[in-house]
C-alpha cells in the first residue's frame, strides 16, 4: 500500500515538474518577443515639488481673477 502511494505521489510530482518546465519555456519564448530599446526614469515628484506646483497654480488663479476683476471694473467704470 505504501509503495502504491509513493508511486502515485512520485507520478504527480513529475507531472507538476513537467508542467512547470513547459510554462517556463513558454515564458522564455514570450520574453524573447519583447525588447527594451530605451529606458526612462520615472517622474518622481517630491512632497516639496508638489507643494510648489500647488502654490504656483493658486498664484496663477489669483492673478487671473485679479486681472479679470480689474477688467470688469474698467468695463463698468467703477474705479
C-alpha atoms as a PDB file:
ATOM      1  CA  UNK A   1       0.000   0.000   0.000  1.00  0.00           C
ATOM      2  CA  UNK A   2       2.834   2.363   0.874  1.00  0.00           C
ATOM      3  CA  UNK A   3       4.642   1.753  -2.418  1.00  0.00           C
ATOM      4  CA  UNK A   4       1.427   2.410  -4.355  1.00  0.00           C
ATOM      5  CA  UNK A   5       1.007   5.730  -2.528  1.00  0.00           C
ATOM      6  CA  UNK A   6       4.670   6.589  -3.111  1.00  0.00           C
ATOM      7  CA  UNK A   7       4.377   5.714  -6.809  1.00  0.00           C
ATOM      8  CA  UNK A   8       1.287   7.939  -7.163  1.00  0.00           C
ATOM      9  CA  UNK A   9       2.951  10.836  -5.322  1.00  0.00           C
ATOM     10  CA  UNK A  10       6.072  10.491  -7.472  1.00  0.00           C
ATOM     11  CA  UNK A  11       3.974  10.469 -10.645  1.00  0.00           C
ATOM     12  CA  UNK A  12       2.100  13.608  -9.541  1.00  0.00           C
ATOM     13  CA  UNK A  13       5.390  15.339  -8.709  1.00  0.00           C
ATOM     14  CA  UNK A  14       6.807  14.524 -12.160  1.00  0.00           C
ATOM     15  CA  UNK A  15       3.638  15.779 -13.851  1.00  0.00           C
ATOM     16  CA  UNK A  16       3.857  19.029 -11.871  1.00  0.00           C
ATOM     17  CA  UNK A  17       7.544  19.456 -12.710  1.00  0.00           C
ATOM     18  CA  UNK A  18       6.852  18.883 -16.406  1.00  0.00           C
ATOM     19  CA  UNK A  19       4.020  21.414 -16.333  1.00  0.00           C
ATOM     20  CA  UNK A  20       6.263  23.997 -14.657  1.00  0.00           C
ATOM     21  CA  UNK A  21       9.043  23.324 -17.178  1.00  0.00           C
ATOM     22  CA  UNK A  22       6.658  23.856 -20.115  1.00  0.00           C
ATOM     23  CA  UNK A  23       5.295  27.052 -18.574  1.00  0.00           C
ATOM     24  CA  UNK A  24       8.818  28.354 -18.054  1.00  0.00           C
ATOM     25  CA  UNK A  25       9.779  27.560 -21.657  1.00  0.00           C
ATOM     26  CA  UNK A  26       6.644  29.329 -22.885  1.00  0.00           C
ATOM     27  CA  UNK A  27       7.517  32.328 -20.724  1.00  0.00           C
ATOM     28  CA  UNK A  28      11.034  32.447 -22.190  1.00  0.00           C
ATOM     29  CA  UNK A  29       9.647  32.332 -25.738  1.00  0.00           C
ATOM     30  CA  UNK A  30       7.262  35.182 -24.996  1.00  0.00           C
ATOM     31  CA  UNK A  31      10.021  37.138 -23.287  1.00  0.00           C
ATOM     32  CA  UNK A  32      12.156  36.906 -26.431  1.00  0.00           C
ATOM     33  CA  UNK A  33       9.362  38.557 -28.423  1.00  0.00           C
ATOM     34  CA  UNK A  34       9.750  41.795 -26.484  1.00  0.00           C
ATOM     35  CA  UNK A  35      12.728  44.099 -26.412  1.00  0.00           C
ATOM     36  CA  UNK A  36      13.576  47.205 -24.445  1.00  0.00           C
ATOM     37  CA  UNK A  37      15.065  49.893 -26.656  1.00  0.00           C
ATOM     38  CA  UNK A  38      15.219  52.743 -24.192  1.00  0.00           C
ATOM     39  CA  UNK A  39      14.809  53.047 -20.504  1.00  0.00           C
ATOM     40  CA  UNK A  40      13.347  56.123 -18.930  1.00  0.00           C
ATOM     41  CA  UNK A  41      13.210  57.432 -15.448  1.00  0.00           C
ATOM     42  CA  UNK A  42      10.021  57.575 -13.512  1.00  0.00           C
ATOM     43  CA  UNK A  43       8.740  61.060 -12.939  1.00  0.00           C
ATOM     44  CA  UNK A  44       9.082  61.225  -9.196  1.00  0.00           C
ATOM     45  CA  UNK A  45       7.603  64.302  -7.616  1.00  0.00           C
ATOM     46  CA  UNK A  46       8.582  65.044  -4.076  1.00  0.00           C
ATOM     47  CA  UNK A  47       6.239  66.485  -1.491  1.00  0.00           C
ATOM     48  CA  UNK A  48       8.031  69.833  -1.745  1.00  0.00           C
ATOM     49  CA  UNK A  49       7.724  69.897  -5.537  1.00  0.00           C
ATOM     50  CA  UNK A  50       4.039  69.096  -5.266  1.00  0.00           C
ATOM     51  CA  UNK A  51       3.542  71.904  -2.754  1.00  0.00           C
ATOM     52  CA  UNK A  52       5.424  74.340  -5.015  1.00  0.00           C
ATOM     53  CA  UNK A  53       3.301  73.387  -8.016  1.00  0.00           C
ATOM     54  CA  UNK A  54       0.154  73.854  -5.971  1.00  0.00           C
ATOM     55  CA  UNK A  55       1.297  77.297  -4.799  1.00  0.00           C
ATOM     56  CA  UNK A  56       2.151  78.295  -8.379  1.00  0.00           C
ATOM     57  CA  UNK A  57      -1.297  77.183  -9.502  1.00  0.00           C
ATOM     58  CA  UNK A  58      -3.026  79.106  -6.708  1.00  0.00           C
ATOM     59  CA  UNK A  59      -0.979  82.212  -7.523  1.00  0.00           C
ATOM     60  CA  UNK A  60      -1.880  81.872 -11.201  1.00  0.00           C
ATOM     61  CA  UNK A  61      -5.588  81.680 -10.358  1.00  0.00           C
ATOM     62  CA  UNK A  62      -5.331  84.698  -8.060  1.00  0.00           C
ATOM     63  CA  UNK A  63      -3.586  86.766 -10.742  1.00  0.00           C
ATOM     64  CA  UNK A  64      -6.055  85.745 -13.433  1.00  0.00           C
ATOM     65  CA  UNK A  65      -9.043  86.566 -11.244  1.00  0.00           C
ATOM     66  CA  UNK A  66      -7.418  89.858 -10.221  1.00  0.00           C
ATOM     67  CA  UNK A  67      -6.895  90.772 -13.883  1.00  0.00           C
ATOM     68  CA  UNK A  68     -10.489  89.852 -14.692  1.00  0.00           C
ATOM     69  CA  UNK A  69     -11.702  91.877 -11.721  1.00  0.00           C
ATOM     70  CA  UNK A  70      -9.797  94.953 -12.906  1.00  0.00           C
ATOM     71  CA  UNK A  71     -11.165  94.354 -16.403  1.00  0.00           C
ATOM     72  CA  UNK A  72     -14.702  94.287 -15.037  1.00  0.00           C
ATOM     73  CA  UNK A  73     -14.021  97.468 -13.017  1.00  0.00           C
ATOM     74  CA  UNK A  74     -12.714  99.174 -16.138  1.00  0.00           C
ATOM     75  CA  UNK A  75     -15.683  97.993 -18.207  1.00  0.00           C
ATOM     76  CA  UNK A  76     -18.152  99.227 -15.606  1.00  0.00           C
ATOM     77  CA  UNK A  77     -16.142 102.396 -14.893  1.00  0.00           C
ATOM     78  CA  UNK A  78     -16.356 101.717 -11.179  1.00  0.00           C
ATOM     79  CA  UNK A  79     -12.783 102.566 -10.256  1.00  0.00           C
END
